[in-house]
Amino acid sequence: MRIGISTACLYPQPLEQILPVLAGQGARVVEIFFNTESEFQPRFYEQLGAQARQLGLDILSVHPYTSLMEGMLLLSDYDRRTEDGMLQYHRYFSVAAALGARYLTFHGERDMGQTDSPARWARKCAAYRRLCELATACGVTLTQENVAWCRSRDPAFLRALARDVPELRFTLDIKQARRAGRDWREVLDAMGERIVNVHINDFSAEQSCLLPGRGEMDYAALFSRLRAQGYRGDALIEVYRTNFGEPAELGRALRLLSRYTGG
């Protein structure tokens, strides 16, 4: 298991400026958080991929900026918008594949207190399965992340997706579990053996997101539970720019976590 870093940690620096910084702090695996549509154009992502290869960076996953809109784009009752959304995400899967990424991180619907009828749930599951098929055709895997402001905040919702969309895989996010008022163990148990990616941070009673090593997160327990479930993937530090000062602090956090994983 390797410890990597998400480019989201250094937002709003431009992506092409972030990769050398992460490599300089010892990262060898990264997630690319795309921030605008032009970054999905060949003239940009091809250069970004070449830069990553030159720096010795393995791009594990990508995260589209449209995650704020995925419920509306892909899971609503408006068929024409769903079709357009599928075309858009097919392009995103293709970009992920071109970068050598294995996963695309997905947020899904906002939590609006909605309850689905059987017909509406079936429609949404069909959309998830179609997204999974499009991703697989590109050599990429769709991963549902637990997100505090989305329906995926609820472990019961994650279990329902796992039951009805067996192709789907999951990304565990520690800070998002904390922000949703859930113990990360609940979320990990709901994802089960389908988990393929981890976003890692620290937290305290006062703050839901801190740099690893600055809170009360039990990393020994986390990595022990992951191994017990057969997890063989990587873990990516994902915090906010306000959670640290100099980039060297990211490097120290990476080295701290690597003591638990050997990677």
Protein backbone atom coordinates (compact mmCIF):
# COMPACT_ATOMS: atom_id res chain seq x y z
CA MET A 1 0.00 0.00 0.00
CA ARG A 2 1.37 3.38 -1.05
CA ILE A 3 0.60 6.78 0.46
CA GLY A 4 -0.03 9.49 -2.11
CA ILE A 5 -1.42 13.02 -2.25
CA SER A 6 -4.37 14.59 -4.06
CA THR A 7 -3.82 17.74 -6.09
CA ALA A 8 -6.86 19.10 -4.23
CA CYS A 9 -4.54 19.81 -1.29
CA LEU A 10 -2.97 22.71 -3.18
CA TYR A 11 -6.08 24.17 -4.81
CA PRO A 12 -6.33 26.81 -6.28
CA GLN A 13 -2.82 26.49 -7.72
CA PRO A 14 -2.91 25.37 -11.38
CA LEU A 15 -2.54 21.61 -11.79
CA GLU A 16 0.66 21.84 -13.80
CA GLN A 17 2.26 23.76 -10.93
CA ILE A 18 1.07 21.29 -8.31
CA LEU A 19 2.56 18.06 -9.71
CA PRO A 20 6.22 19.12 -9.28
CA VAL A 21 5.46 20.18 -5.71
CA LEU A 22 3.91 16.81 -4.84
CA ALA A 23 6.78 14.92 -6.45
CA GLY A 24 9.20 17.09 -4.52
CA GLN A 25 7.56 16.04 -1.26
CA GLY A 26 8.08 12.37 -2.02
CA ALA A 27 4.72 11.48 -3.52
CA ARG A 28 4.75 8.77 -6.17
CA VAL A 29 1.00 8.29 -6.51
CA VAL A 30 -1.55 11.10 -6.93
CA GLU A 31 -5.17 11.90 -7.67
CA ILE A 32 -5.88 14.62 -10.21
CA PHE A 33 -8.76 16.88 -9.23
CA PHE A 34 -9.79 18.62 -12.46
CA ASN A 35 -11.09 22.12 -11.82
CA THR A 36 -12.54 23.27 -15.14
CA GLU A 37 -13.66 22.00 -18.54
CA SER A 38 -10.62 23.16 -20.50
CA GLU A 39 -8.43 20.82 -18.42
CA PHE A 40 -10.26 17.90 -20.05
CA GLN A 41 -9.10 19.04 -23.51
CA PRO A 42 -6.24 17.09 -25.18
CA ARG A 43 -3.95 20.11 -25.39
CA PHE A 44 -3.99 20.26 -21.59
CA TYR A 45 -4.31 16.71 -20.25
CA GLU A 46 -1.77 15.25 -22.69
CA GLN A 47 0.85 17.68 -21.42
CA LEU A 48 -0.21 16.97 -17.84
CA GLY A 49 0.23 13.24 -18.40
CA ALA A 50 3.67 13.76 -19.93
CA GLN A 51 4.64 15.90 -16.94
CA ALA A 52 3.46 13.23 -14.50
CA ARG A 53 5.45 10.55 -16.28
CA GLN A 54 8.57 12.72 -16.31
CA LEU A 55 8.18 13.29 -12.55
CA GLY A 56 7.66 9.57 -11.88
CA LEU A 57 4.08 10.08 -10.69
CA ASP A 58 1.44 7.36 -10.97
CA ILE A 59 -2.01 8.90 -11.47
CA LEU A 60 -4.29 6.61 -9.50
CA SER A 61 -7.58 8.43 -9.94
CA VAL A 62 -9.26 11.51 -11.33
CA HIS A 63 -12.01 13.65 -9.83
CA PRO A 64 -14.17 15.82 -12.14
CA TYR A 65 -15.18 19.35 -11.20
CA THR A 66 -18.77 18.46 -12.14
CA SER A 67 -19.12 16.34 -8.99
CA LEU A 68 -21.31 19.15 -7.63
CA MET A 69 -23.86 18.46 -10.39
CA GLU A 70 -23.84 14.69 -10.84
CA GLY A 71 -27.33 14.11 -9.47
CA MET A 72 -28.79 16.64 -11.92
CA LEU A 73 -26.59 15.61 -14.86
CA LEU A 74 -26.95 11.85 -14.60
CA LEU A 75 -29.59 10.74 -12.10
CA SER A 76 -32.61 12.99 -12.68
CA ASP A 77 -35.85 12.20 -14.53
CA TYR A 78 -34.92 14.39 -17.51
CA ASP A 79 -33.85 11.90 -20.18
CA ARG A 80 -32.15 14.29 -22.60
CA ARG A 81 -29.92 15.71 -19.86
CA THR A 82 -29.04 12.20 -18.72
CA GLU A 83 -27.98 11.32 -22.27
CA ASP A 84 -25.83 14.44 -22.49
CA GLY A 85 -24.35 13.66 -19.08
CA MET A 86 -23.46 10.15 -20.17
CA LEU A 87 -21.60 11.53 -23.18
CA GLN A 88 -19.78 14.00 -20.94
CA TYR A 89 -18.71 11.34 -18.45
CA HIS A 90 -17.68 8.96 -21.21
CA ARG A 91 -15.24 11.67 -22.26
CA TYR A 92 -14.02 11.99 -18.67
CA PHE A 93 -13.45 8.22 -18.49
CA SER A 94 -11.45 8.43 -21.71
CA VAL A 95 -9.28 11.20 -20.27
CA ALA A 96 -8.72 9.20 -17.08
CA ALA A 97 -7.63 6.22 -19.18
CA ALA A 98 -5.29 8.39 -21.26
CA LEU A 99 -3.60 9.48 -18.02
CA GLY A 100 -3.24 5.89 -16.84
CA ALA A 101 -5.73 6.37 -14.00
CA ARG A 102 -7.62 3.35 -12.71
CA TYR A 103 -10.53 5.16 -11.05
CA LEU A 104 -12.91 8.09 -11.44
CA THR A 105 -14.30 9.41 -8.15
CA PHE A 106 -18.06 10.04 -8.14
CA HIS A 107 -20.24 12.00 -5.68
CA GLY A 108 -23.72 11.34 -7.03
CA GLU A 109 -26.91 12.97 -5.74
CA ARG A 110 -27.19 15.70 -3.16
CA ASP A 111 -28.97 14.73 0.05
CA MET A 112 -32.28 16.57 -0.18
CA GLY A 113 -34.18 14.24 2.14
CA GLN A 114 -35.65 12.46 -0.87
CA THR A 115 -37.13 8.97 -0.83
CA ASP A 116 -37.19 7.08 -4.12
CA SER A 117 -40.14 5.13 -5.39
CA PRO A 118 -39.20 1.64 -6.64
CA ALA A 119 -39.41 2.89 -10.23
CA ARG A 120 -37.17 5.89 -9.59
CA TRP A 121 -34.62 3.79 -7.69
CA ALA A 122 -34.56 1.31 -10.57
CA ARG A 123 -33.93 4.17 -13.01
CA LYS A 124 -31.04 5.50 -10.95
CA CYS A 125 -29.48 2.07 -10.56
CA ALA A 126 -29.74 1.63 -14.33
CA ALA A 127 -27.86 4.93 -14.75
CA TYR A 128 -25.16 3.77 -12.33
CA ARG A 129 -24.80 0.49 -14.23
CA ARG A 130 -24.53 2.34 -17.51
CA LEU A 131 -21.83 4.62 -16.08
CA CYS A 132 -19.95 1.56 -14.84
CA GLU A 133 -20.17 0.00 -18.30
CA LEU A 134 -18.87 3.16 -19.98
CA ALA A 135 -16.01 3.35 -17.50
CA THR A 136 -15.11 -0.32 -17.97
CA ALA A 137 -15.11 0.07 -21.74
CA CYS A 138 -12.43 2.74 -21.29
CA GLY A 139 -10.41 0.61 -18.86
CA VAL A 140 -11.47 2.69 -15.84
CA THR A 141 -13.58 1.92 -12.74
CA LEU A 142 -16.31 4.18 -11.35
CA THR A 143 -16.00 4.65 -7.58
CA GLN A 144 -18.72 6.10 -5.37
CA GLU A 145 -17.27 8.29 -2.62
CA ASN A 146 -19.02 8.91 0.69
CA VAL A 147 -19.73 12.67 0.78
CA ALA A 148 -21.30 14.57 3.68
CA TRP A 149 -23.70 16.65 1.57
CA CYS A 150 -24.73 13.78 -0.71
CA ARG A 151 -26.93 10.73 -0.26
CA SER A 152 -23.72 8.74 -0.04
CA ARG A 153 -23.31 10.16 3.48
CA ASP A 154 -25.56 7.31 4.67
CA PRO A 155 -24.07 3.80 5.02
CA ALA A 156 -27.53 2.35 4.31
CA PHE A 157 -27.53 4.10 0.93
CA LEU A 158 -24.06 2.72 0.17
CA ARG A 159 -25.23 -0.79 1.05
CA ALA A 160 -28.24 -0.42 -1.24
CA LEU A 161 -25.98 0.66 -4.11
CA ALA A 162 -23.63 -2.25 -3.43
CA ARG A 163 -26.59 -4.63 -3.47
CA ASP A 164 -28.22 -3.33 -6.65
CA VAL A 165 -25.17 -2.19 -8.66
CA PRO A 166 -22.61 -4.97 -8.18
CA GLU A 167 -20.28 -3.40 -10.77
CA LEU A 168 -19.81 -0.28 -8.62
CA ARG A 169 -16.75 0.24 -6.43
CA PHE A 170 -16.14 2.70 -3.58
CA THR A 171 -13.79 5.42 -2.32
CA LEU A 172 -13.65 5.92 1.45
CA ASP A 173 -13.17 9.53 2.60
CA ILE A 174 -12.36 9.95 6.29
CA LYS A 175 -13.19 13.68 6.59
CA GLN A 176 -16.50 13.26 4.77
CA ALA A 177 -17.53 10.50 7.16
CA ARG A 178 -16.66 12.80 10.07
CA ARG A 179 -18.61 15.70 8.58
CA ALA A 180 -21.63 13.44 8.12
CA GLY A 181 -21.50 12.49 11.80
CA ARG A 182 -20.46 8.92 11.00
CA ASP A 183 -17.64 6.84 12.34
CA TRP A 184 -15.35 5.90 9.46
CA ARG A 185 -15.73 2.25 10.50
CA GLU A 186 -19.46 2.37 9.67
CA VAL A 187 -18.69 3.63 6.18
CA LEU A 188 -15.88 1.12 5.66
CA ASP A 189 -18.16 -1.74 6.70
CA ALA A 190 -20.86 -0.56 4.26
CA MET A 191 -18.36 -0.47 1.39
CA GLY A 192 -16.94 -3.85 2.33
CA GLU A 193 -14.68 -5.56 -0.17
CA ARG A 194 -15.79 -3.13 -2.90
CA ILE A 195 -13.49 -0.36 -1.60
CA VAL A 196 -10.66 0.48 -4.03
CA ASN A 197 -9.49 3.94 -2.96
CA VAL A 198 -9.05 5.90 0.29
CA HIS A 199 -8.91 9.65 0.94
CA ILE A 200 -7.14 10.17 4.23
CA ASN A 201 -6.83 13.03 6.70
CA ASP A 202 -6.93 13.65 10.45
CA PHE A 203 -9.57 15.24 12.69
CA SER A 204 -10.25 16.47 16.19
CA ALA A 205 -13.36 17.21 18.25
CA GLU A 206 -13.28 20.76 16.86
CA GLN A 207 -12.16 20.21 13.26
CA SER A 208 -13.27 17.62 10.72
CA CYS A 209 -10.20 17.98 8.51
CA LEU A 210 -6.59 18.26 9.68
CA LEU A 211 -3.27 17.22 8.22
CA PRO A 212 -2.40 13.63 9.23
CA GLY A 213 -0.66 13.59 12.58
CA ARG A 214 -2.41 16.65 13.99
CA GLY A 215 -5.56 15.09 15.38
CA GLU A 216 -6.93 11.95 16.96
CA MET A 217 -7.36 9.61 14.00
CA ASP A 218 -6.26 6.05 14.81
CA TYR A 219 -4.26 5.16 11.71
CA ALA A 220 -3.12 1.82 13.07
CA ALA A 221 -6.77 0.82 13.39
CA LEU A 222 -7.60 2.13 9.91
CA PHE A 223 -4.87 0.25 8.11
CA SER A 224 -5.51 -2.87 10.18
CA ARG A 225 -9.19 -2.82 9.19
CA LEU A 226 -8.34 -2.22 5.55
CA ARG A 227 -5.95 -5.17 5.48
CA ALA A 228 -8.49 -7.38 7.26
CA GLN A 229 -10.95 -6.65 4.43
CA GLY A 230 -8.34 -7.61 1.87
CA TYR A 231 -7.63 -4.06 0.75
CA ARG A 232 -4.51 -3.88 -1.41
CA GLY A 233 -4.93 -0.37 -2.83
CA ASP A 234 -3.39 2.97 -1.98
CA ALA A 235 -4.34 5.86 0.33
CA LEU A 236 -4.24 9.50 -0.74
CA ILE A 237 -3.82 12.46 1.60
CA GLU A 238 -6.65 14.87 0.80
CA VAL A 239 -6.91 17.98 2.97
CA TYR A 240 -7.63 21.63 2.26
CA ARG A 241 -5.06 24.34 1.61
CA THR A 242 -6.05 26.01 4.89
CA ASN A 243 -4.99 22.88 6.82
CA PHE A 244 -1.26 23.46 6.41
CA GLY A 245 1.33 26.13 5.73
CA GLU A 246 4.31 25.05 3.65
CA PRO A 247 4.14 22.10 1.21
CA ALA A 248 6.90 20.45 3.24
CA GLU A 249 4.20 19.71 5.82
CA LEU A 250 2.53 17.43 3.25
CA GLY A 251 5.81 15.58 2.88
CA ARG A 252 6.05 15.06 6.63
CA ALA A 253 2.47 13.76 6.74
CA LEU A 254 3.24 11.37 3.87
CA ARG A 255 6.27 9.98 5.71
CA LEU A 256 4.28 9.63 8.94
CA LEU A 257 1.58 7.56 7.24
CA SER A 258 4.14 5.48 5.36
CA ARG A 259 5.27 4.08 8.69
CA TYR A 260 1.93 2.28 8.91
CA THR A 261 2.01 0.92 5.37
CA GLY A 262 5.62 0.50 4.34
CA GLY A 263 4.83 2.42 1.13
